[in-house]
Protein backbone atom coordinates (compact mmCIF):
# COMPACT_ATOMS: atom_id res chain seq x y z
CA MET A 1 -26.56 20.07 5.45
CA GLU A 2 -25.81 20.23 2.50
CA VAL A 3 -27.28 17.16 1.70
CA TRP A 4 -31.07 18.14 2.46
CA VAL A 5 -30.59 21.82 0.96
CA LEU A 6 -29.69 19.60 -2.54
CA ALA A 7 -33.09 17.24 -1.61
CA LYS A 8 -34.95 20.11 -1.67
CA HIS A 9 -34.38 21.10 -4.95
CA GLY A 10 -35.35 17.92 -6.38
CA GLU A 11 -32.00 16.27 -7.09
CA GLY A 12 -32.05 12.44 -6.38
CA ALA A 13 -29.33 10.48 -4.21
CA ARG A 14 -27.31 9.65 -7.28
CA GLU A 15 -26.71 13.63 -8.02
CA ILE A 16 -26.17 14.64 -4.74
CA ALA A 17 -23.39 11.95 -3.85
CA ARG A 18 -21.69 12.56 -7.07
CA GLU A 19 -21.45 16.57 -6.46
CA LEU A 20 -20.97 15.83 -2.45
CA GLY A 21 -18.03 13.27 -3.58
CA VAL A 22 -19.75 10.73 -1.22
CA SER A 23 -21.31 7.34 -1.68
CA ARG A 24 -24.97 7.33 -2.45
CA ASN A 25 -25.96 5.25 1.08
CA THR A 26 -24.05 8.48 2.93
CA VAL A 27 -26.54 10.10 1.15
CA ARG A 28 -29.38 7.92 2.26
CA ARG A 29 -28.60 8.11 5.57
CA TYR A 30 -28.30 11.57 5.98
CA LEU A 31 -31.94 11.92 4.01
CA ARG A 32 -33.35 8.87 6.38
CA GLU A 33 -31.88 9.99 9.35
CA PRO A 34 -31.93 14.01 10.03
CA ALA A 35 -30.22 13.86 13.27
CA ALA A 36 -27.01 11.98 11.47
CA SER A 37 -23.72 13.62 12.86
CA ARG A 38 -21.28 14.49 10.24
CA TYR A 39 -17.97 11.77 10.44
CA SER A 40 -14.93 13.16 12.55
CA ALA A 41 -12.38 11.82 12.41
CA ARG A 42 -10.50 9.37 14.44
CA PRO A 43 -8.40 10.36 17.37
CA PRO A 44 -4.35 10.06 16.71
CA ARG A 45 -3.31 6.74 17.57
CA ALA A 46 0.42 6.25 18.79
CA SER A 47 2.29 4.48 16.62
CA LYS A 48 4.04 1.22 17.08
CA LEU A 49 7.55 3.01 18.08
CA GLU A 50 5.60 4.80 20.54
CA LEU A 51 7.14 2.16 23.33
CA HIS A 52 10.54 2.31 22.39
CA LYS A 53 11.15 6.26 21.45
CA ARG A 54 13.05 6.99 24.92
CA TYR A 55 15.29 4.53 24.13
CA ILE A 56 16.03 5.20 20.30
CA VAL A 57 16.53 8.77 21.45
CA GLU A 58 18.64 7.56 24.35
CA ARG A 59 20.71 5.28 21.67
CA LEU A 60 21.19 8.48 18.69
CA THR A 61 22.03 10.96 20.95
CA ALA A 62 24.95 8.43 22.57
CA ALA A 63 25.84 7.44 19.30
CA ALA A 64 25.75 11.18 17.21
CA ALA A 65 29.41 12.48 16.59
CA ASP A 66 30.56 16.04 17.66
CA VAL A 67 32.05 17.09 14.45
CA ILE A 68 31.47 15.26 10.83
CA PRO A 69 34.09 15.87 8.47
CA ALA A 70 33.57 17.31 5.58
CA SER A 71 33.91 14.41 3.64
CA ASP A 72 31.98 12.12 5.40
CA TYR A 73 28.75 13.59 4.51
CA SER A 74 29.73 14.96 1.22
CA PRO A 75 27.80 12.83 -1.28
CA ASN A 76 30.18 13.03 -3.76
CA ALA A 77 33.71 13.37 -1.63
CA GLY A 78 35.93 10.66 -2.56
CA ARG A 79 33.42 8.03 -3.27
CA GLY A 80 35.11 6.40 -6.05
CA ALA A 81 38.46 6.35 -4.18
CA ARG A 82 37.21 4.89 -1.16
CA LEU A 83 35.33 2.43 -3.24
CA ALA A 84 39.35 1.58 -4.68
CA GLY A 85 40.81 1.16 -1.03
CA ALA A 86 42.65 4.06 -1.42
CA SER A 87 43.83 5.65 2.35
CA ARG A 88 41.50 8.50 3.49
CA THR A 89 43.88 11.02 3.07
CA ASP A 90 44.22 10.60 -0.42
CA TRP A 91 40.54 11.08 -1.30
CA GLN A 92 39.57 13.75 1.72
CA VAL A 93 38.45 17.23 0.11
CA SER A 94 40.52 19.90 0.71
CA ARG A 95 38.99 23.66 0.44
């Protein structure tokens, strides 16, 4: 619709394309074919993992721990001690 309005005001295909952010060929197509439909987004496709989603969820659920100790998910807790081969009790964070 905007293409036709701008064209009636005397703007050329290049100026219309620049203003609307589309290619000149798109502008020409809209001016040539009054019944040209607007672009519509494609329907979403299933992902490649969709076929395996149920299996992945089951595996993650089965592997999930009921309780995660604070030292296991704290980014700084005992990292150096673990790398140096210290025992777990040496590097646990106490509160």
